[in-house]
Amino acid sequence: MAAPASLRRPYNIQIEAVMDKSGADEMVSRLKTLGYNAQELTTMLNGQTWYRVRVGPYGSSGEAAAAQEKLRQQYKQAYTTSH
């Protein structure tokens, strides 16, 4: 039997963790442009500030995995260039 929705932990996709706030801000902006619920979270690691970029939440690991695959394809099409 599954836990009630109020007790389930949501699933998030961590996109990146960087020390550059402007880079994290840009990534959040790009993800929002693609229609994703992107957030930037600040954390301290070894006395240094890191910025985590996450997308979510999703109700299950399956939903998160499907969203991650879709995001890879969309991001690649939108933000990579060919030379």
PDB file of N, CA and C in Angstrom:
ATOM      1  N   MET A   1       0.844  -1.182   0.000  1.00  0.00           N
ATOM      2  CA  MET A   1       0.000   0.000   0.000  1.00  0.00           C
ATOM      3  C   MET A   1       0.890   1.246   0.000  1.00  0.00           C
ATOM      4  N   ALA A   2       0.608   2.175  -0.878  1.00  0.00           N
ATOM      5  CA  ALA A   2       1.396   3.400  -1.003  1.00  0.00           C
ATOM      6  C   ALA A   2       1.079   4.356   0.142  1.00  0.00           C
ATOM      7  N   ALA A   3       2.074   5.149   0.509  1.00  0.00           N
ATOM      8  CA  ALA A   3       1.888   6.157   1.545  1.00  0.00           C
ATOM      9  C   ALA A   3       0.963   7.242   1.027  1.00  0.00           C
ATOM     10  N   PRO A   4       0.179   7.865   1.926  1.00  0.00           N
ATOM     11  CA  PRO A   4      -0.671   8.981   1.497  1.00  0.00           C
ATOM     12  C   PRO A   4       0.176  10.070   0.847  1.00  0.00           C
ATOM     13  N   ALA A   5      -0.425  10.797  -0.087  1.00  0.00           N
ATOM     14  CA  ALA A   5       0.300  11.836  -0.828  1.00  0.00           C
ATOM     15  C   ALA A   5       0.964  12.833   0.103  1.00  0.00           C
ATOM     16  N   SER A   6       0.345  13.130   1.235  1.00  0.00           N
ATOM     17  CA  SER A   6       0.910  14.114   2.159  1.00  0.00           C
ATOM     18  C   SER A   6       2.195  13.618   2.819  1.00  0.00           C
ATOM     19  N   LEU A   7       2.439  12.303   2.814  1.00  0.00           N
ATOM     20  CA  LEU A   7       3.625  11.743   3.448  1.00  0.00           C
ATOM     21  C   LEU A   7       4.724  11.378   2.451  1.00  0.00           C
ATOM     22  N   ARG A   8       4.421  11.415   1.180  1.00  0.00           N
ATOM     23  CA  ARG A   8       5.409  11.064   0.165  1.00  0.00           C
ATOM     24  C   ARG A   8       6.391  12.203  -0.040  1.00  0.00           C
ATOM     25  N   ARG A   9       7.631  11.845  -0.282  1.00  0.00           N
ATOM     26  CA  ARG A   9       8.647  12.851  -0.607  1.00  0.00           C
ATOM     27  C   ARG A   9       8.592  13.136  -2.098  1.00  0.00           C
ATOM     28  N   PRO A  10       8.603  14.394  -2.457  1.00  0.00           N
ATOM     29  CA  PRO A  10       8.624  14.703  -3.885  1.00  0.00           C
ATOM     30  C   PRO A  10      10.007  14.413  -4.465  1.00  0.00           C
ATOM     31  N   TYR A  11      10.042  14.168  -5.751  1.00  0.00           N
ATOM     32  CA  TYR A  11      11.295  13.911  -6.459  1.00  0.00           C
ATOM     33  C   TYR A  11      11.675  15.160  -7.246  1.00  0.00           C
ATOM     34  N   ASN A  12      12.938  15.519  -7.182  1.00  0.00           N
ATOM     35  CA  ASN A  12      13.465  16.646  -7.931  1.00  0.00           C
ATOM     36  C   ASN A  12      14.639  16.171  -8.766  1.00  0.00           C
ATOM     37  N   ILE A  13      14.887  16.867  -9.861  1.00  0.00           N
ATOM     38  CA  ILE A  13      16.039  16.586 -10.710  1.00  0.00           C
ATOM     39  C   ILE A  13      17.067  17.663 -10.435  1.00  0.00           C
ATOM     40  N   GLN A  14      18.244  17.278  -9.963  1.00  0.00           N
ATOM     41  CA  GLN A  14      19.299  18.265  -9.785  1.00  0.00           C
ATOM     42  C   GLN A  14      20.033  18.407 -11.110  1.00  0.00           C
ATOM     43  N   ILE A  15      20.015  19.622 -11.632  1.00  0.00           N
ATOM     44  CA  ILE A  15      20.611  19.887 -12.936  1.00  0.00           C
ATOM     45  C   ILE A  15      22.101  20.129 -12.807  1.00  0.00           C
ATOM     46  N   GLU A  16      22.477  20.976 -11.852  1.00  0.00           N
ATOM     47  CA  GLU A  16      23.889  21.261 -11.635  1.00  0.00           C
ATOM     48  C   GLU A  16      24.083  21.881 -10.267  1.00  0.00           C
ATOM     49  N   ALA A  17      25.316  21.874  -9.815  1.00  0.00           N
ATOM     50  CA  ALA A  17      25.730  22.570  -8.597  1.00  0.00           C
ATOM     51  C   ALA A  17      26.998  23.324  -8.953  1.00  0.00           C
ATOM     52  N   VAL A  18      26.942  24.642  -8.803  1.00  0.00           N
ATOM     53  CA  VAL A  18      28.072  25.488  -9.202  1.00  0.00           C
ATOM     54  C   VAL A  18      28.357  26.523  -8.126  1.00  0.00           C
ATOM     55  N   MET A  19      29.544  27.085  -8.175  1.00  0.00           N
ATOM     56  CA  MET A  19      29.909  28.145  -7.237  1.00  0.00           C
ATOM     57  C   MET A  19      29.630  29.528  -7.828  1.00  0.00           C
ATOM     58  N   ASP A  20      29.250  29.584  -9.083  1.00  0.00           N
ATOM     59  CA  ASP A  20      28.997  30.829  -9.794  1.00  0.00           C
ATOM     60  C   ASP A  20      27.503  31.137  -9.798  1.00  0.00           C
ATOM     61  N   LYS A  21      27.080  32.121  -9.009  1.00  0.00           N
ATOM     62  CA  LYS A  21      25.657  32.452  -8.914  1.00  0.00           C
ATOM     63  C   LYS A  21      25.089  32.890 -10.255  1.00  0.00           C
ATOM     64  N   SER A  22      25.834  33.672 -11.024  1.00  0.00           N
ATOM     65  CA  SER A  22      25.310  34.135 -12.311  1.00  0.00           C
ATOM     66  C   SER A  22      25.072  32.954 -13.259  1.00  0.00           C
ATOM     67  N   GLY A  23      25.935  31.941 -13.209  1.00  0.00           N
ATOM     68  CA  GLY A  23      25.741  30.748 -14.024  1.00  0.00           C
ATOM     69  C   GLY A  23      24.493  29.980 -13.604  1.00  0.00           C
ATOM     70  N   ALA A  24      24.275  29.889 -12.295  1.00  0.00           N
ATOM     71  CA  ALA A  24      23.085  29.209 -11.788  1.00  0.00           C
ATOM     72  C   ALA A  24      21.831  29.991 -12.182  1.00  0.00           C
ATOM     73  N   ASP A  25      21.888  31.324 -12.063  1.00  0.00           N
ATOM     74  CA  ASP A  25      20.755  32.164 -12.454  1.00  0.00           C
ATOM     75  C   ASP A  25      20.407  31.962 -13.929  1.00  0.00           C
ATOM     76  N   GLU A  26      21.439  31.903 -14.779  1.00  0.00           N
ATOM     77  CA  GLU A  26      21.219  31.706 -16.207  1.00  0.00           C
ATOM     78  C   GLU A  26      20.578  30.353 -16.485  1.00  0.00           C
ATOM     79  N   MET A  27      21.040  29.316 -15.788  1.00  0.00           N
ATOM     80  CA  MET A  27      20.472  27.980 -15.982  1.00  0.00           C
ATOM     81  C   MET A  27      18.995  27.960 -15.562  1.00  0.00           C
ATOM     82  N   VAL A  28      18.668  28.580 -14.437  1.00  0.00           N
ATOM     83  CA  VAL A  28      17.273  28.640 -13.993  1.00  0.00           C
ATOM     84  C   VAL A  28      16.425  29.353 -15.046  1.00  0.00           C
ATOM     85  N   SER A  29      16.924  30.451 -15.568  1.00  0.00           N
ATOM     86  CA  SER A  29      16.197  31.202 -16.590  1.00  0.00           C
ATOM     87  C   SER A  29      15.956  30.352 -17.834  1.00  0.00           C
ATOM     88  N   ARG A  30      16.976  29.649 -18.286  1.00  0.00           N
ATOM     89  CA  ARG A  30      16.828  28.786 -19.467  1.00  0.00           C
ATOM     90  C   ARG A  30      15.785  27.700 -19.226  1.00  0.00           C
ATOM     91  N   LEU A  31      15.843  27.076 -18.058  1.00  0.00           N
ATOM     92  CA  LEU A  31      14.901  26.002 -17.743  1.00  0.00           C
ATOM     93  C   LEU A  31      13.470  26.523 -17.673  1.00  0.00           C
ATOM     94  N   LYS A  32      13.291  27.703 -17.093  1.00  0.00           N
ATOM     95  CA  LYS A  32      11.952  28.296 -17.027  1.00  0.00           C
ATOM     96  C   LYS A  32      11.444  28.633 -18.425  1.00  0.00           C
ATOM     97  N   THR A  33      12.340  29.089 -19.297  1.00  0.00           N
ATOM     98  CA  THR A  33      11.961  29.377 -20.678  1.00  0.00           C
ATOM     99  C   THR A  33      11.430  28.122 -21.369  1.00  0.00           C
ATOM    100  N   LEU A  34      11.987  26.972 -21.003  1.00  0.00           N
ATOM    101  CA  LEU A  34      11.538  25.694 -21.569  1.00  0.00           C
ATOM    102  C   LEU A  34      10.273  25.160 -20.888  1.00  0.00           C
ATOM    103  N   GLY A  35       9.788  25.878 -19.862  1.00  0.00           N
ATOM    104  CA  GLY A  35       8.539  25.484 -19.197  1.00  0.00           C
ATOM    105  C   GLY A  35       8.700  24.656 -17.943  1.00  0.00           C
ATOM    106  N   TYR A  36       9.901  24.572 -17.402  1.00  0.00           N
ATOM    107  CA  TYR A  36      10.137  23.764 -16.206  1.00  0.00           C
ATOM    108  C   TYR A  36      10.079  24.606 -14.940  1.00  0.00           C
ATOM    109  N   ASN A  37       9.658  23.988 -13.853  1.00  0.00           N
ATOM    110  CA  ASN A  37       9.643  24.624 -12.544  1.00  0.00           C
ATOM    111  C   ASN A  37      11.048  24.494 -11.955  1.00  0.00           C
ATOM    112  N   ALA A  38      11.886  25.469 -12.267  1.00  0.00           N
ATOM    113  CA  ALA A  38      13.286  25.435 -11.841  1.00  0.00           C
ATOM    114  C   ALA A  38      13.482  26.304 -10.616  1.00  0.00           C
ATOM    115  N   GLN A  39      14.327  25.840  -9.705  1.00  0.00           N
ATOM    116  CA  GLN A  39      14.654  26.591  -8.503  1.00  0.00           C
ATOM    117  C   GLN A  39      16.152  26.578  -8.291  1.00  0.00           C
ATOM    118  N   GLU A  40      16.599  27.615  -7.626  1.00  0.00           N
ATOM    119  CA  GLU A  40      18.005  27.704  -7.233  1.00  0.00           C
ATOM    120  C   GLU A  40      18.055  27.621  -5.714  1.00  0.00           C
ATOM    121  N   LEU A  41      18.840  26.703  -5.195  1.00  0.00           N
ATOM    122  CA  LEU A  41      19.000  26.550  -3.758  1.00  0.00           C
ATOM    123  C   LEU A  41      20.450  26.801  -3.400  1.00  0.00           C
ATOM    124  N   THR A  42      20.673  27.474  -2.290  1.00  0.00           N
ATOM    125  CA  THR A  42      22.028  27.764  -1.833  1.00  0.00           C
ATOM    126  C   THR A  42      22.395  26.789  -0.724  1.00  0.00           C
ATOM    127  N   THR A  43      23.615  26.285  -0.771  1.00  0.00           N
ATOM    128  CA  THR A  43      24.097  25.382   0.264  1.00  0.00           C
ATOM    129  C   THR A  43      25.572  25.680   0.533  1.00  0.00           C
ATOM    130  N   MET A  44      26.020  25.326   1.710  1.00  0.00           N
ATOM    131  CA  MET A  44      27.424  25.497   2.069  1.00  0.00           C
ATOM    132  C   MET A  44      28.101  24.134   2.055  1.00  0.00           C
ATOM    133  N   LEU A  45      29.213  24.045   1.353  1.00  0.00           N
ATOM    134  CA  LEU A  45      30.026  22.830   1.320  1.00  0.00           C
ATOM    135  C   LEU A  45      31.465  23.226   1.596  1.00  0.00           C
ATOM    136  N   ASN A  46      32.025  22.660   2.643  1.00  0.00           N
ATOM    137  CA  ASN A  46      33.412  22.955   3.017  1.00  0.00           C
ATOM    138  C   ASN A  46      33.682  24.459   3.124  1.00  0.00           C
ATOM    139  N   GLY A  47      32.719  25.174   3.696  1.00  0.00           N
ATOM    140  CA  GLY A  47      32.884  26.603   3.910  1.00  0.00           C
ATOM    141  C   GLY A  47      32.694  27.469   2.675  1.00  0.00           C
ATOM    142  N   GLN A  48      32.260  26.888   1.566  1.00  0.00           N
ATOM    143  CA  GLN A  48      32.050  27.632   0.332  1.00  0.00           C
ATOM    144  C   GLN A  48      30.580  27.565  -0.076  1.00  0.00           C
ATOM    145  N   THR A  49      30.079  28.637  -0.652  1.00  0.00           N
ATOM    146  CA  THR A  49      28.696  28.689  -1.108  1.00  0.00           C
ATOM    147  C   THR A  49      28.577  28.052  -2.482  1.00  0.00           C
ATOM    148  N   TRP A  50      27.632  27.141  -2.590  1.00  0.00           N
ATOM    149  CA  TRP A  50      27.311  26.486  -3.856  1.00  0.00           C
ATOM    150  C   TRP A  50      25.857  26.775  -4.189  1.00  0.00           C
ATOM    151  N   TYR A  51      25.554  26.831  -5.479  1.00  0.00           N
ATOM    152  CA  TYR A  51      24.197  27.080  -5.959  1.00  0.00           C
ATOM    153  C   TYR A  51      23.730  25.846  -6.717  1.00  0.00           C
ATOM    154  N   ARG A  52      22.678  25.229  -6.200  1.00  0.00           N
ATOM    155  CA  ARG A  52      22.117  24.034  -6.828  1.00  0.00           C
ATOM    156  C   ARG A  52      20.919  24.431  -7.670  1.00  0.00           C
ATOM    157  N   VAL A  53      20.867  23.927  -8.873  1.00  0.00           N
ATOM    158  CA  VAL A  53      19.733  24.165  -9.757  1.00  0.00           C
ATOM    159  C   VAL A  53      18.944  22.867  -9.850  1.00  0.00           C
ATOM    160  N   ARG A  54      17.674  22.957  -9.499  1.00  0.00           N
ATOM    161  CA  ARG A  54      16.810  21.779  -9.509  1.00  0.00           C
ATOM    162  C   ARG A  54      15.533  22.056 -10.273  1.00  0.00           C
ATOM    163  N   VAL A  55      14.931  20.986 -10.769  1.00  0.00           N
ATOM    164  CA  VAL A  55      13.647  21.035 -11.453  1.00  0.00           C
ATOM    165  C   VAL A  55      12.723  20.059 -10.734  1.00  0.00           C
ATOM    166  N   GLY A  56      11.496  20.478 -10.532  1.00  0.00           N
ATOM    167  CA  GLY A  56      10.523  19.608  -9.876  1.00  0.00           C
ATOM    168  C   GLY A  56       9.561  20.433  -9.049  1.00  0.00           C
ATOM    169  N   PRO A  57       8.846  19.811  -8.198  1.00  0.00           N
ATOM    170  CA  PRO A  57       8.892  18.396  -7.810  1.00  0.00           C
ATOM    171  C   PRO A  57       8.020  17.514  -8.695  1.00  0.00           C
ATOM    172  N   TYR A  58       8.338  16.231  -8.660  1.00  0.00           N
ATOM    173  CA  TYR A  58       7.579  15.204  -9.349  1.00  0.00           C
ATOM    174  C   TYR A  58       7.079  14.211  -8.314  1.00  0.00           C
ATOM    175  N   GLY A  59       5.948  13.580  -8.597  1.00  0.00           N
ATOM    176  CA  GLY A  59       5.299  12.700  -7.638  1.00  0.00           C
ATOM    177  C   GLY A  59       5.928  11.325  -7.476  1.00  0.00           C
ATOM    178  N   SER A  60       6.748  10.915  -8.441  1.00  0.00           N
ATOM    179  CA  SER A  60       7.370   9.586  -8.360  1.00  0.00           C
ATOM    180  C   SER A  60       8.721   9.623  -9.063  1.00  0.00           C
ATOM    181  N   SER A  61       9.517   8.615  -8.793  1.00  0.00           N
ATOM    182  CA  SER A  61      10.808   8.529  -9.468  1.00  0.00           C
ATOM    183  C   SER A  61      10.621   8.319 -10.967  1.00  0.00           C
ATOM    184  N   GLY A  62       9.564   7.619 -11.353  1.00  0.00           N
ATOM    185  CA  GLY A  62       9.276   7.406 -12.772  1.00  0.00           C
ATOM    186  C   GLY A  62       8.956   8.708 -13.489  1.00  0.00           C
ATOM    187  N   GLU A  63       8.142   9.559 -12.847  1.00  0.00           N
ATOM    188  CA  GLU A  63       7.820  10.865 -13.433  1.00  0.00           C
ATOM    189  C   GLU A  63       9.086  11.708 -13.569  1.00  0.00           C
ATOM    190  N   ALA A  64       9.929  11.683 -12.550  1.00  0.00           N
ATOM    191  CA  ALA A  64      11.172  12.456 -12.584  1.00  0.00           C
ATOM    192  C   ALA A  64      12.092  11.951 -13.686  1.00  0.00           C
ATOM    193  N   ALA A  65      12.197  10.641 -13.836  1.00  0.00           N
ATOM    194  CA  ALA A  65      13.060  10.073 -14.880  1.00  0.00           C
ATOM    195  C   ALA A  65      12.550  10.443 -16.275  1.00  0.00           C
ATOM    196  N   ALA A  66      11.232  10.394 -16.478  1.00  0.00           N
ATOM    197  CA  ALA A  66      10.658  10.765 -17.773  1.00  0.00           C
ATOM    198  C   ALA A  66      10.895  12.244 -18.061  1.00  0.00           C
ATOM    199  N   ALA A  67      10.719  13.086 -17.042  1.00  0.00           N
ATOM    200  CA  ALA A  67      10.954  14.522 -17.208  1.00  0.00           C
ATOM    201  C   ALA A  67      12.422  14.793 -17.512  1.00  0.00           C
ATOM    202  N   GLN A  68      13.318  14.061 -16.862  1.00  0.00           N
ATOM    203  CA  GLN A  68      14.745  14.250 -17.093  1.00  0.00           C
ATOM    204  C   GLN A  68      15.110  13.928 -18.539  1.00  0.00           C
ATOM    205  N   GLU A  69      14.571  12.854 -19.073  1.00  0.00           N
ATOM    206  CA  GLU A  69      14.873  12.486 -20.457  1.00  0.00           C
ATOM    207  C   GLU A  69      14.316  13.528 -21.424  1.00  0.00           C
ATOM    208  N   LYS A  70      13.086  13.972 -21.179  1.00  0.00           N
ATOM    209  CA  LYS A  70      12.481  14.998 -22.031  1.00  0.00           C
ATOM    210  C   LYS A  70      13.294  16.293 -21.956  1.00  0.00           C
ATOM    211  N   LEU A  71      13.725  16.658 -20.758  1.00  0.00           N
ATOM    212  CA  LEU A  71      14.512  17.868 -20.570  1.00  0.00           C
ATOM    213  C   LEU A  71      15.828  17.796 -21.340  1.00  0.00           C
ATOM    214  N   ARG A  72      16.492  16.661 -21.289  1.00  0.00           N
ATOM    215  CA  ARG A  72      17.754  16.498 -22.031  1.00  0.00           C
ATOM    216  C   ARG A  72      17.567  16.818 -23.509  1.00  0.00           C
ATOM    217  N   GLN A  73      16.502  16.256 -24.089  1.00  0.00           N
ATOM    218  CA  GLN A  73      16.250  16.466 -25.509  1.00  0.00           C
ATOM    219  C   GLN A  73      15.913  17.923 -25.807  1.00  0.00           C
ATOM    220  N   GLN A  74      15.038  18.521 -24.996  1.00  0.00           N
ATOM    221  CA  GLN A  74      14.650  19.913 -25.216  1.00  0.00           C
ATOM    222  C   GLN A  74      15.834  20.850 -25.054  1.00  0.00           C
ATOM    223  N   TYR A  75      16.607  20.639 -24.014  1.00  0.00           N
ATOM    224  CA  TYR A  75      17.734  21.530 -23.736  1.00  0.00           C
ATOM    225  C   TYR A  75      18.770  21.429 -24.846  1.00  0.00           C
ATOM    226  N   LYS A  76      19.023  20.199 -25.275  1.00  0.00           N
ATOM    227  CA  LYS A  76      20.000  19.989 -26.341  1.00  0.00           C
ATOM    228  C   LYS A  76      19.556  20.710 -27.616  1.00  0.00           C
ATOM    229  N   GLN A  77      18.288  20.602 -27.954  1.00  0.00           N
ATOM    230  CA  GLN A  77      17.775  21.248 -29.163  1.00  0.00           C
ATOM    231  C   GLN A  77      17.797  22.766 -29.039  1.00  0.00           C
ATOM    232  N   ALA A  78      17.521  23.286 -27.855  1.00  0.00           N
ATOM    233  CA  ALA A  78      17.389  24.729 -27.670  1.00  0.00           C
ATOM    234  C   ALA A  78      18.726  25.431 -27.447  1.00  0.00           C
ATOM    235  N   TYR A  79      19.690  24.751 -26.796  1.00  0.00           N
ATOM    236  CA  TYR A  79      20.874  25.474 -26.341  1.00  0.00           C
ATOM    237  C   TYR A  79      22.217  24.919 -26.802  1.00  0.00           C
ATOM    238  N   THR A  80      22.206  24.014 -27.739  1.00  0.00           N
ATOM    239  CA  THR A  80      23.489  23.581 -28.280  1.00  0.00           C
ATOM    240  C   THR A  80      23.554  24.006 -29.746  1.00  0.00           C
ATOM    241  N   THR A  81      24.731  24.248 -30.194  1.00  0.00           N
ATOM    242  CA  THR A  81      24.921  24.673 -31.576  1.00  0.00           C
ATOM    243  C   THR A  81      25.819  23.688 -32.287  1.00  0.00           C
ATOM    244  N   SER A  82      25.663  23.610 -33.567  1.00  0.00           N
ATOM    245  CA  SER A  82      26.554  22.740 -34.344  1.00  0.00           C
ATOM    246  C   SER A  82      27.603  23.611 -35.004  1.00  0.00           C
ATOM    247  N   HIS A  83      28.773  23.059 -35.177  1.00  0.00           N
ATOM    248  CA  HIS A  83      29.888  23.793 -35.788  1.00  0.00           C
ATOM    249  C   HIS A  83      30.239  23.196 -37.119  1.00  0.00           C
TER     250      HIS A  83
END
